[in-house]
Amino acid sequence: MKNHYLEERQYLKAKKRVKEIKGFYIHLIVYVLVNVFISGLIIFGFMRGGSLSLTDAILNFGVYSTWLFWGIGVFVHGLGVFGFISLIGKDWEDRKIKELMEKEERRK
């Protein structure tokens, strides 16, 4: 019984992890596609208006601002999914659950 419980718990944990990773990759793909489209529109707008040359339009900060600010969000999302050093992350939760379960068993 206990073995079945552990296998099911591991399966559910792995399934949740796959869902998190998939969510990150979808976020990354949407980030790239939307930003390429927005950048293209901005460059085209500058060129069409005749106010800037191609080089000046490409070097304009407006073209890259969405990439930069949304990129910070994608970076933080990646940190959350792939678990780079966090103070209270998934490892901490697992350790705390085990600790509380052990305390409860000792009381019985």
PDB file of N, CA and C in Angstrom:
ATOM      1  N   MET A   1       0.827  -1.200   0.000  1.00  0.00           N
ATOM      2  CA  MET A   1       0.000   0.000   0.000  1.00  0.00           C
ATOM      3  C   MET A   1       0.863   1.252   0.000  1.00  0.00           C
ATOM      4  N   LYS A   2       1.863   1.262   0.885  1.00  0.00           N
ATOM      5  CA  LYS A   2       2.734   2.432   0.986  1.00  0.00           C
ATOM      6  C   LYS A   2       3.525   2.637  -0.310  1.00  0.00           C
ATOM      7  N   ASN A   3       3.962   1.522  -0.928  1.00  0.00           N
ATOM      8  CA  ASN A   3       4.709   1.598  -2.181  1.00  0.00           C
ATOM      9  C   ASN A   3       3.844   2.204  -3.285  1.00  0.00           C
ATOM     10  N   HIS A   4       2.580   1.797  -3.340  1.00  0.00           N
ATOM     11  CA  HIS A   4       1.648   2.331  -4.342  1.00  0.00           C
ATOM     12  C   HIS A   4       1.456   3.835  -4.135  1.00  0.00           C
ATOM     13  N   TYR A   5       1.337   4.232  -2.867  1.00  0.00           N
ATOM     14  CA  TYR A   5       1.184   5.656  -2.545  1.00  0.00           C
ATOM     15  C   TYR A   5       2.403   6.448  -3.015  1.00  0.00           C
ATOM     16  N   LEU A   6       3.592   5.934  -2.760  1.00  0.00           N
ATOM     17  CA  LEU A   6       4.815   6.631  -3.165  1.00  0.00           C
ATOM     18  C   LEU A   6       4.924   6.729  -4.682  1.00  0.00           C
ATOM     19  N   GLU A   7       4.572   5.653  -5.373  1.00  0.00           N
ATOM     20  CA  GLU A   7       4.616   5.686  -6.838  1.00  0.00           C
ATOM     21  C   GLU A   7       3.631   6.706  -7.387  1.00  0.00           C
ATOM     22  N   GLU A   8       2.422   6.735  -6.825  1.00  0.00           N
ATOM     23  CA  GLU A   8       1.426   7.699  -7.293  1.00  0.00           C
ATOM     24  C   GLU A   8       1.867   9.127  -6.985  1.00  0.00           C
ATOM     25  N   ARG A   9       2.453   9.331  -5.827  1.00  0.00           N
ATOM     26  CA  ARG A   9       2.939  10.664  -5.460  1.00  0.00           C
ATOM     27  C   ARG A   9       4.043  11.121  -6.422  1.00  0.00           C
ATOM     28  N   GLN A  10       4.969  10.199  -6.729  1.00  0.00           N
ATOM     29  CA  GLN A  10       6.042  10.524  -7.667  1.00  0.00           C
ATOM     30  C   GLN A  10       5.472  10.838  -9.048  1.00  0.00           C
ATOM     31  N   TYR A  11       4.476  10.054  -9.473  1.00  0.00           N
ATOM     32  CA  TYR A  11       3.855  10.287 -10.776  1.00  0.00           C
ATOM     33  C   TYR A  11       3.198  11.669 -10.815  1.00  0.00           C
ATOM     34  N   LEU A  12       2.432  12.002  -9.792  1.00  0.00           N
ATOM     35  CA  LEU A  12       1.747  13.298  -9.760  1.00  0.00           C
ATOM     36  C   LEU A  12       2.749  14.453  -9.710  1.00  0.00           C
ATOM     37  N   LYS A  13       3.833  14.253  -8.974  1.00  0.00           N
ATOM     38  CA  LYS A  13       4.874  15.279  -8.887  1.00  0.00           C
ATOM     39  C   LYS A  13       5.534  15.476 -10.262  1.00  0.00           C
ATOM     40  N   ALA A  14       5.839  14.371 -10.936  1.00  0.00           N
ATOM     41  CA  ALA A  14       6.453  14.451 -12.269  1.00  0.00           C
ATOM     42  C   ALA A  14       5.491  15.088 -13.272  1.00  0.00           C
ATOM     43  N   LYS A  15       4.206  14.737 -13.173  1.00  0.00           N
ATOM     44  CA  LYS A  15       3.208  15.308 -14.074  1.00  0.00           C
ATOM     45  C   LYS A  15       3.101  16.817 -13.873  1.00  0.00           C
ATOM     46  N   LYS A  16       3.116  17.261 -12.623  1.00  0.00           N
ATOM     47  CA  LYS A  16       3.069  18.691 -12.321  1.00  0.00           C
ATOM     48  C   LYS A  16       4.316  19.391 -12.870  1.00  0.00           C
ATOM     49  N   ARG A  17       5.462  18.745 -12.725  1.00  0.00           N
ATOM     50  CA  ARG A  17       6.732  19.318 -13.210  1.00  0.00           C
ATOM     51  C   ARG A  17       6.708  19.487 -14.727  1.00  0.00           C
ATOM     52  N   VAL A  18       6.210  18.470 -15.435  1.00  0.00           N
ATOM     53  CA  VAL A  18       6.107  18.537 -16.896  1.00  0.00           C
ATOM     54  C   VAL A  18       5.181  19.679 -17.304  1.00  0.00           C
ATOM     55  N   LYS A  19       4.084  19.841 -16.572  1.00  0.00           N
ATOM     56  CA  LYS A  19       3.143  20.921 -16.869  1.00  0.00           C
ATOM     57  C   LYS A  19       3.804  22.281 -16.675  1.00  0.00           C
ATOM     58  N   GLU A  20       4.623  22.436 -15.634  1.00  0.00           N
ATOM     59  CA  GLU A  20       5.335  23.693 -15.395  1.00  0.00           C
ATOM     60  C   GLU A  20       6.337  23.988 -16.508  1.00  0.00           C
ATOM     61  N   ILE A  21       7.084  22.965 -16.909  1.00  0.00           N
ATOM     62  CA  ILE A  21       8.080  23.132 -17.971  1.00  0.00           C
ATOM     63  C   ILE A  21       7.388  23.479 -19.293  1.00  0.00           C
ATOM     64  N   LYS A  22       6.292  22.781 -19.591  1.00  0.00           N
ATOM     65  CA  LYS A  22       5.533  23.056 -20.810  1.00  0.00           C
ATOM     66  C   LYS A  22       5.021  24.493 -20.795  1.00  0.00           C
ATOM     67  N   GLY A  23       4.528  24.945 -19.654  1.00  0.00           N
ATOM     68  CA  GLY A  23       4.051  26.318 -19.518  1.00  0.00           C
ATOM     69  C   GLY A  23       5.143  27.334 -19.787  1.00  0.00           C
ATOM     70  N   PHE A  24       6.342  27.044 -19.309  1.00  0.00           N
ATOM     71  CA  PHE A  24       7.459  27.949 -19.563  1.00  0.00           C
ATOM     72  C   PHE A  24       7.788  28.012 -21.047  1.00  0.00           C
ATOM     73  N   TYR A  25       7.847  26.856 -21.701  1.00  0.00           N
ATOM     74  CA  TYR A  25       8.184  26.846 -23.126  1.00  0.00           C
ATOM     75  C   TYR A  25       7.112  27.533 -23.970  1.00  0.00           C
ATOM     76  N   ILE A  26       5.861  27.377 -23.588  1.00  0.00           N
ATOM     77  CA  ILE A  26       4.793  28.094 -24.296  1.00  0.00           C
ATOM     78  C   ILE A  26       4.974  29.593 -24.104  1.00  0.00           C
ATOM     79  N   HIS A  27       5.270  30.013 -22.882  1.00  0.00           N
ATOM     80  CA  HIS A  27       5.517  31.424 -22.591  1.00  0.00           C
ATOM     81  C   HIS A  27       6.680  31.949 -23.441  1.00  0.00           C
ATOM     82  N   LEU A  28       7.745  31.170 -23.540  1.00  0.00           N
ATOM     83  CA  LEU A  28       8.914  31.568 -24.315  1.00  0.00           C
ATOM     84  C   LEU A  28       8.588  31.702 -25.805  1.00  0.00           C
ATOM     85  N   ILE A  29       7.828  30.759 -26.350  1.00  0.00           N
ATOM     86  CA  ILE A  29       7.458  30.812 -27.768  1.00  0.00           C
ATOM     87  C   ILE A  29       6.572  32.019 -28.048  1.00  0.00           C
ATOM     88  N   VAL A  30       5.588  32.256 -27.192  1.00  0.00           N
ATOM     89  CA  VAL A  30       4.710  33.421 -27.362  1.00  0.00           C
ATOM     90  C   VAL A  30       5.517  34.700 -27.255  1.00  0.00           C
ATOM     91  N   TYR A  31       6.442  34.754 -26.318  1.00  0.00           N
ATOM     92  CA  TYR A  31       7.329  35.908 -26.138  1.00  0.00           C
ATOM     93  C   TYR A  31       8.073  36.236 -27.426  1.00  0.00           C
ATOM     94  N   VAL A  32       8.685  35.224 -28.028  1.00  0.00           N
ATOM     95  CA  VAL A  32       9.468  35.448 -29.251  1.00  0.00           C
ATOM     96  C   VAL A  32       8.561  35.866 -30.410  1.00  0.00           C
ATOM     97  N   LEU A  33       7.481  35.135 -30.630  1.00  0.00           N
ATOM     98  CA  LEU A  33       6.602  35.434 -31.767  1.00  0.00           C
ATOM     99  C   LEU A  33       5.968  36.817 -31.666  1.00  0.00           C
ATOM    100  N   VAL A  34       5.440  37.139 -30.491  1.00  0.00           N
ATOM    101  CA  VAL A  34       4.790  38.436 -30.314  1.00  0.00           C
ATOM    102  C   VAL A  34       5.802  39.566 -30.444  1.00  0.00           C
ATOM    103  N   ASN A  35       6.984  39.393 -29.881  1.00  0.00           N
ATOM    104  CA  ASN A  35       7.978  40.462 -29.948  1.00  0.00           C
ATOM    105  C   ASN A  35       8.551  40.657 -31.347  1.00  0.00           C
ATOM    106  N   VAL A  36       8.691  39.589 -32.101  1.00  0.00           N
ATOM    107  CA  VAL A  36       9.124  39.738 -33.500  1.00  0.00           C
ATOM    108  C   VAL A  36       8.068  40.538 -34.261  1.00  0.00           C
ATOM    109  N   PHE A  37       6.798  40.206 -34.044  1.00  0.00           N
ATOM    110  CA  PHE A  37       5.713  40.911 -34.712  1.00  0.00           C
ATOM    111  C   PHE A  37       5.686  42.392 -34.313  1.00  0.00           C
ATOM    112  N   ILE A  38       5.750  42.669 -33.019  1.00  0.00           N
ATOM    113  CA  ILE A  38       5.721  44.058 -32.540  1.00  0.00           C
ATOM    114  C   ILE A  38       6.927  44.841 -33.063  1.00  0.00           C
ATOM    115  N   SER A  39       8.097  44.239 -33.004  1.00  0.00           N
ATOM    116  CA  SER A  39       9.297  44.923 -33.499  1.00  0.00           C
ATOM    117  C   SER A  39       9.176  45.233 -34.985  1.00  0.00           C
ATOM    118  N   GLY A  40       8.658  44.270 -35.736  1.00  0.00           N
ATOM    119  CA  GLY A  40       8.455  44.492 -37.170  1.00  0.00           C
ATOM    120  C   GLY A  40       7.498  45.644 -37.430  1.00  0.00           C
ATOM    121  N   LEU A  41       6.412  45.697 -36.669  1.00  0.00           N
ATOM    122  CA  LEU A  41       5.457  46.800 -36.830  1.00  0.00           C
ATOM    123  C   LEU A  41       6.096  48.153 -36.504  1.00  0.00           C
ATOM    124  N   ILE A  42       6.859  48.190 -35.447  1.00  0.00           N
ATOM    125  CA  ILE A  42       7.492  49.452 -35.049  1.00  0.00           C
ATOM    126  C   ILE A  42       8.505  49.898 -36.102  1.00  0.00           C
ATOM    127  N   ILE A  43       9.334  48.994 -36.560  1.00  0.00           N
ATOM    128  CA  ILE A  43      10.328  49.336 -37.589  1.00  0.00           C
ATOM    129  C   ILE A  43       9.625  49.765 -38.869  1.00  0.00           C
ATOM    130  N   PHE A  44       8.606  49.022 -39.271  1.00  0.00           N
ATOM    131  CA  PHE A  44       7.844  49.377 -40.469  1.00  0.00           C
ATOM    132  C   PHE A  44       7.210  50.757 -40.312  1.00  0.00           C
ATOM    133  N   GLY A  45       6.669  51.040 -39.136  1.00  0.00           N
ATOM    134  CA  GLY A  45       6.053  52.344 -38.880  1.00  0.00           C
ATOM    135  C   GLY A  45       7.042  53.484 -38.987  1.00  0.00           C
ATOM    136  N   PHE A  46       8.224  53.298 -38.428  1.00  0.00           N
ATOM    137  CA  PHE A  46       9.257  54.331 -38.521  1.00  0.00           C
ATOM    138  C   PHE A  46       9.692  54.540 -39.970  1.00  0.00           C
ATOM    139  N   MET A  47       9.835  53.445 -40.704  1.00  0.00           N
ATOM    140  CA  MET A  47      10.283  53.532 -42.089  1.00  0.00           C
ATOM    141  C   MET A  47       9.193  54.169 -42.974  1.00  0.00           C
ATOM    142  N   ARG A  48       7.955  53.779 -42.741  1.00  0.00           N
ATOM    143  CA  ARG A  48       6.854  54.273 -43.565  1.00  0.00           C
ATOM    144  C   ARG A  48       6.645  55.767 -43.368  1.00  0.00           C
ATOM    145  N   GLY A  49       6.807  56.210 -42.140  1.00  0.00           N
ATOM    146  CA  GLY A  49       6.638  57.629 -41.839  1.00  0.00           C
ATOM    147  C   GLY A  49       7.752  58.472 -42.438  1.00  0.00           C
ATOM    148  N   GLY A  50       8.826  57.830 -42.819  1.00  0.00           N
ATOM    149  CA  GLY A  50       9.950  58.537 -43.409  1.00  0.00           C
ATOM    150  C   GLY A  50      10.774  59.318 -42.398  1.00  0.00           C
ATOM    151  N   SER A  51      10.465  59.124 -41.115  1.00  0.00           N
ATOM    152  CA  SER A  51      11.183  59.894 -40.103  1.00  0.00           C
ATOM    153  C   SER A  51      12.549  59.302 -39.780  1.00  0.00           C
ATOM    154  N   LEU A  52      12.724  58.003 -40.003  1.00  0.00           N
ATOM    155  CA  LEU A  52      14.000  57.373 -39.675  1.00  0.00           C
ATOM    156  C   LEU A  52      14.456  56.458 -40.804  1.00  0.00           C
ATOM    157  N   SER A  53      15.762  56.318 -40.895  1.00  0.00           N
ATOM    158  CA  SER A  53      16.319  55.347 -41.842  1.00  0.00           C
ATOM    159  C   SER A  53      16.189  53.952 -41.233  1.00  0.00           C
ATOM    160  N   LEU A  54      16.480  52.928 -42.016  1.00  0.00           N
ATOM    161  CA  LEU A  54      16.386  51.558 -41.527  1.00  0.00           C
ATOM    162  C   LEU A  54      17.287  51.348 -40.318  1.00  0.00           C
ATOM    163  N   THR A  55      18.509  51.825 -40.404  1.00  0.00           N
ATOM    164  CA  THR A  55      19.456  51.669 -39.296  1.00  0.00           C
ATOM    165  C   THR A  55      18.950  52.366 -38.043  1.00  0.00           C
ATOM    166  N   ASP A  56      18.489  53.601 -38.188  1.00  0.00           N
ATOM    167  CA  ASP A  56      17.978  54.340 -37.033  1.00  0.00           C
ATOM    168  C   ASP A  56      16.720  53.675 -36.465  1.00  0.00           C
ATOM    169  N   ALA A  57      15.874  53.169 -37.328  1.00  0.00           N
ATOM    170  CA  ALA A  57      14.653  52.504 -36.872  1.00  0.00           C
ATOM    171  C   ALA A  57      14.987  51.243 -36.077  1.00  0.00           C
ATOM    172  N   ILE A  58      15.953  50.471 -36.562  1.00  0.00           N
ATOM    173  CA  ILE A  58      16.351  49.240 -35.869  1.00  0.00           C
ATOM    174  C   ILE A  58      17.011  49.548 -34.535  1.00  0.00           C
ATOM    175  N   LEU A  59      17.771  50.634 -34.471  1.00  0.00           N
ATOM    176  CA  LEU A  59      18.480  50.978 -33.236  1.00  0.00           C
ATOM    177  C   LEU A  59      17.622  51.740 -32.231  1.00  0.00           C
ATOM    178  N   ASN A  60      16.396  52.059 -32.568  1.00  0.00           N
ATOM    179  CA  ASN A  60      15.513  52.790 -31.669  1.00  0.00           C
ATOM    180  C   ASN A  60      15.141  51.923 -30.472  1.00  0.00           C
ATOM    181  N   PHE A  61      15.168  52.506 -29.258  1.00  0.00           N
ATOM    182  CA  PHE A  61      14.876  51.750 -28.046  1.00  0.00           C
ATOM    183  C   PHE A  61      13.448  51.198 -28.023  1.00  0.00           C
ATOM    184  N   GLY A  62      12.532  51.859 -28.656  1.00  0.00           N
ATOM    185  CA  GLY A  62      11.144  51.390 -28.698  1.00  0.00           C
ATOM    186  C   GLY A  62      11.014  50.004 -29.289  1.00  0.00           C
ATOM    187  N   VAL A  63      11.914  49.660 -30.192  1.00  0.00           N
ATOM    188  CA  VAL A  63      11.891  48.339 -30.815  1.00  0.00           C
ATOM    189  C   VAL A  63      12.236  47.258 -29.788  1.00  0.00           C
ATOM    190  N   TYR A  64      13.104  47.576 -28.862  1.00  0.00           N
ATOM    191  CA  TYR A  64      13.607  46.582 -27.916  1.00  0.00           C
ATOM    192  C   TYR A  64      12.998  46.667 -26.522  1.00  0.00           C
ATOM    193  N   SER A  65      12.226  47.711 -26.249  1.00  0.00           N
ATOM    194  CA  SER A  65      11.708  47.876 -24.887  1.00  0.00           C
ATOM    195  C   SER A  65      10.803  46.718 -24.466  1.00  0.00           C
ATOM    196  N   THR A  66       9.931  46.251 -25.352  1.00  0.00           N
ATOM    197  CA  THR A  66       9.068  45.130 -25.008  1.00  0.00           C
ATOM    198  C   THR A  66       9.887  43.867 -24.794  1.00  0.00           C
ATOM    199  N   TRP A  67      10.891  43.669 -25.646  1.00  0.00           N
ATOM    200  CA  TRP A  67      11.781  42.516 -25.472  1.00  0.00           C
ATOM    201  C   TRP A  67      12.414  42.544 -24.084  1.00  0.00           C
ATOM    202  N   LEU A  68      12.887  43.716 -23.693  1.00  0.00           N
ATOM    203  CA  LEU A  68      13.598  43.844 -22.422  1.00  0.00           C
ATOM    204  C   LEU A  68      12.676  43.600 -21.231  1.00  0.00           C
ATOM    205  N   PHE A  69      11.574  44.322 -21.160  1.00  0.00           N
ATOM    206  CA  PHE A  69      10.727  44.242 -19.977  1.00  0.00           C
ATOM    207  C   PHE A  69       9.970  42.916 -19.882  1.00  0.00           C
ATOM    208  N   TRP A  70       9.465  42.423 -20.975  1.00  0.00           N
ATOM    209  CA  TRP A  70       8.806  41.125 -20.961  1.00  0.00           C
ATOM    210  C   TRP A  70       9.853  40.027 -20.741  1.00  0.00           C
ATOM    211  N   GLY A  71      11.056  40.260 -21.257  1.00  0.00           N
ATOM    212  CA  GLY A  71      12.147  39.303 -21.071  1.00  0.00           C
ATOM    213  C   GLY A  71      12.492  39.101 -19.607  1.00  0.00           C
ATOM    214  N   ILE A  72      12.380  40.152 -18.824  1.00  0.00           N
ATOM    215  CA  ILE A  72      12.616  40.017 -17.382  1.00  0.00           C
ATOM    216  C   ILE A  72      11.587  39.049 -16.793  1.00  0.00           C
ATOM    217  N   GLY A  73      10.341  39.180 -17.229  1.00  0.00           N
ATOM    218  CA  GLY A  73       9.301  38.260 -16.765  1.00  0.00           C
ATOM    219  C   GLY A  73       9.563  36.827 -17.188  1.00  0.00           C
ATOM    220  N   VAL A  74      10.009  36.632 -18.416  1.00  0.00           N
ATOM    221  CA  VAL A  74      10.321  35.280 -18.901  1.00  0.00           C
ATOM    222  C   VAL A  74      11.491  34.704 -18.101  1.00  0.00           C
ATOM    223  N   PHE A  75      12.477  35.534 -17.815  1.00  0.00           N
ATOM    224  CA  PHE A  75      13.641  35.093 -17.033  1.00  0.00           C
ATOM    225  C   PHE A  75      13.214  34.637 -15.637  1.00  0.00           C
ATOM    226  N   VAL A  76      12.378  35.434 -14.982  1.00  0.00           N
ATOM    227  CA  VAL A  76      11.905  35.083 -13.643  1.00  0.00           C
ATOM    228  C   VAL A  76      11.054  33.812 -13.696  1.00  0.00           C
ATOM    229  N   HIS A  77      10.223  33.674 -14.733  1.00  0.00           N
ATOM    230  CA  HIS A  77       9.434  32.458 -14.916  1.00  0.00           C
ATOM    231  C   HIS A  77      10.364  31.250 -15.041  1.00  0.00           C
ATOM    232  N   GLY A  78      11.419  31.395 -15.830  1.00  0.00           N
ATOM    233  CA  GLY A  78      12.398  30.313 -15.992  1.00  0.00           C
ATOM    234  C   GLY A  78      13.078  29.954 -14.681  1.00  0.00           C
ATOM    235  N   LEU A  79      13.403  30.975 -13.890  1.00  0.00           N
ATOM    236  CA  LEU A  79      14.004  30.696 -12.582  1.00  0.00           C
ATOM    237  C   LEU A  79      13.050  29.902 -11.702  1.00  0.00           C
ATOM    238  N   GLY A  80      11.785  30.268 -11.758  1.00  0.00           N
ATOM    239  CA  GLY A  80      10.799  29.549 -10.958  1.00  0.00           C
ATOM    240  C   GLY A  80      10.606  28.109 -11.408  1.00  0.00           C
ATOM    241  N   VAL A  81      10.617  27.888 -12.691  1.00  0.00           N
ATOM    242  CA  VAL A  81      10.369  26.544 -13.227  1.00  0.00           C
ATOM    243  C   VAL A  81      11.582  25.643 -13.054  1.00  0.00           C
ATOM    244  N   PHE A  82      12.755  26.157 -13.363  1.00  0.00           N
ATOM    245  CA  PHE A  82      13.946  25.315 -13.330  1.00  0.00           C
ATOM    246  C   PHE A  82      14.665  25.366 -11.996  1.00  0.00           C
ATOM    247  N   GLY A  83      14.095  26.088 -11.034  1.00  0.00           N
ATOM    248  CA  GLY A  83      14.516  26.007  -9.647  1.00  0.00           C
ATOM    249  C   GLY A  83      15.895  26.536  -9.313  1.00  0.00           C
ATOM    250  N   PHE A  84      16.324  27.585  -9.947  1.00  0.00           N
ATOM    251  CA  PHE A  84      17.571  28.187  -9.518  1.00  0.00           C
ATOM    252  C   PHE A  84      17.347  28.778  -8.133  1.00  0.00           C
ATOM    253  N   ILE A  85      18.390  28.834  -7.404  1.00  0.00           N
ATOM    254  CA  ILE A  85      18.409  29.192  -5.985  1.00  0.00           C
ATOM    255  C   ILE A  85      17.235  30.082  -5.562  1.00  0.00           C
ATOM    256  N   SER A  86      16.389  29.517  -4.722  1.00  0.00           N
ATOM    257  CA  SER A  86      15.301  30.294  -4.138  1.00  0.00           C
ATOM    258  C   SER A  86      15.273  29.999  -2.639  1.00  0.00           C
ATOM    259  N   LEU A  87      14.865  30.970  -1.862  1.00  0.00           N
ATOM    260  CA  LEU A  87      14.883  30.801  -0.417  1.00  0.00           C
ATOM    261  C   LEU A  87      13.841  29.803   0.051  1.00  0.00           C
ATOM    262  N   ILE A  88      12.639  29.911  -0.465  1.00  0.00           N
ATOM    263  CA  ILE A  88      11.577  28.975  -0.090  1.00  0.00           C
ATOM    264  C   ILE A  88      11.048  28.377  -1.380  1.00  0.00           C
ATOM    265  N   GLY A  89      11.709  27.337  -1.828  1.00  0.00           N
ATOM    266  CA  GLY A  89      11.329  26.698  -3.081  1.00  0.00           C
ATOM    267  C   GLY A  89      10.732  25.331  -2.842  1.00  0.00           C
ATOM    268  N   LYS A  90      10.660  24.551  -3.895  1.00  0.00           N
ATOM    269  CA  LYS A  90      10.053  23.230  -3.833  1.00  0.00           C
ATOM    270  C   LYS A  90      10.820  22.287  -2.903  1.00  0.00           C
ATOM    271  N   ASP A  91      12.151  22.395  -2.882  1.00  0.00           N
ATOM    272  CA  ASP A  91      12.945  21.539  -2.003  1.00  0.00           C
ATOM    273  C   ASP A  91      12.610  21.815  -0.545  1.00  0.00           C
ATOM    274  N   TRP A  92      12.458  23.082  -0.215  1.00  0.00           N
ATOM    275  CA  TRP A  92      12.116  23.451   1.148  1.00  0.00           C
ATOM    276  C   TRP A  92      10.761  22.868   1.522  1.00  0.00           C
ATOM    277  N   GLU A  93       9.796  22.949   0.615  1.00  0.00           N
ATOM    278  CA  GLU A  93       8.453  22.409   0.877  1.00  0.00           C
ATOM    279  C   GLU A  93       8.525  20.910   1.127  1.00  0.00           C
ATOM    280  N   ASP A  94       9.262  20.190   0.296  1.00  0.00           N
ATOM    281  CA  ASP A  94       9.375  18.741   0.461  1.00  0.00           C
ATOM    282  C   ASP A  94      10.015  18.381   1.799  1.00  0.00           C
ATOM    283  N   ARG A  95      11.076  19.080   2.158  1.00  0.00           N
ATOM    284  CA  ARG A  95      11.749  18.818   3.436  1.00  0.00           C
ATOM    285  C   ARG A  95      10.806  19.088   4.609  1.00  0.00           C
ATOM    286  N   LYS A  96      10.061  20.172   4.529  1.00  0.00           N
ATOM    287  CA  LYS A  96       9.144  20.539   5.609  1.00  0.00           C
ATOM    288  C   LYS A  96       8.020  19.519   5.742  1.00  0.00           C
ATOM    289  N   ILE A  97       7.484  19.042   4.617  1.00  0.00           N
ATOM    290  CA  ILE A  97       6.436  18.021   4.651  1.00  0.00           C
ATOM    291  C   ILE A  97       6.955  16.754   5.310  1.00  0.00           C
ATOM    292  N   LYS A  98       8.150  16.318   4.913  1.00  0.00           N
ATOM    293  CA  LYS A  98       8.738  15.107   5.513  1.00  0.00           C
ATOM    294  C   LYS A  98       8.957  15.297   7.011  1.00  0.00           C
ATOM    295  N   GLU A  99       9.452  16.462   7.373  1.00  0.00           N
ATOM    296  CA  GLU A  99       9.701  16.756   8.781  1.00  0.00           C
ATOM    297  C   GLU A  99       8.409  16.685   9.597  1.00  0.00           C
ATOM    298  N   LEU A 100       7.349  17.294   9.090  1.00  0.00           N
ATOM    299  CA  LEU A 100       6.069  17.283   9.800  1.00  0.00           C
ATOM    300  C   LEU A 100       5.470  15.884   9.862  1.00  0.00           C
ATOM    301  N   MET A 101       5.627  15.113   8.781  1.00  0.00           N
ATOM    302  CA  MET A 101       5.122  13.742   8.777  1.00  0.00           C
ATOM    303  C   MET A 101       5.866  12.886   9.803  1.00  0.00           C
ATOM    304  N   GLU A 102       7.183  13.063   9.907  1.00  0.00           N
ATOM    305  CA  GLU A 102       7.970  12.317  10.879  1.00  0.00           C
ATOM    306  C   GLU A 102       7.576  12.680  12.309  1.00  0.00           C
ATOM    307  N   LYS A 103       7.335  13.956  12.557  1.00  0.00           N
ATOM    308  CA  LYS A 103       6.895  14.383  13.895  1.00  0.00           C
ATOM    309  C   LYS A 103       5.553  13.754  14.238  1.00  0.00           C
ATOM    310  N   GLU A 104       4.662  13.707  13.267  1.00  0.00           N
ATOM    311  CA  GLU A 104       3.345  13.113  13.493  1.00  0.00           C
ATOM    312  C   GLU A 104       3.442  11.635  13.779  1.00  0.00           C
ATOM    313  N   GLU A 105       4.344  10.921  13.089  1.00  0.00           N
ATOM    314  CA  GLU A 105       4.512   9.475  13.320  1.00  0.00           C
ATOM    315  C   GLU A 105       5.098   9.207  14.689  1.00  0.00           C
ATOM    316  N   ARG A 106       5.990  10.070  15.160  1.00  0.00           N
ATOM    317  CA  ARG A 106       6.599   9.889  16.485  1.00  0.00           C
ATOM    318  C   ARG A 106       5.567  10.042  17.591  1.00  0.00           C
ATOM    319  N   ARG A 107       4.568  10.861  17.363  1.00  0.00           N
ATOM    320  CA  ARG A 107       3.525  11.079  18.368  1.00  0.00           C
ATOM    321  C   ARG A 107       2.630   9.856  18.537  1.00  0.00           C
ATOM    322  N   LYS A 108       2.539   9.044  17.486  1.00  0.00           N
ATOM    323  CA  LYS A 108       1.635   7.880  17.538  1.00  0.00           C
ATOM    324  C   LYS A 108       2.210   6.736  18.307  1.00  0.00           C
TER     325      LYS A 108
END
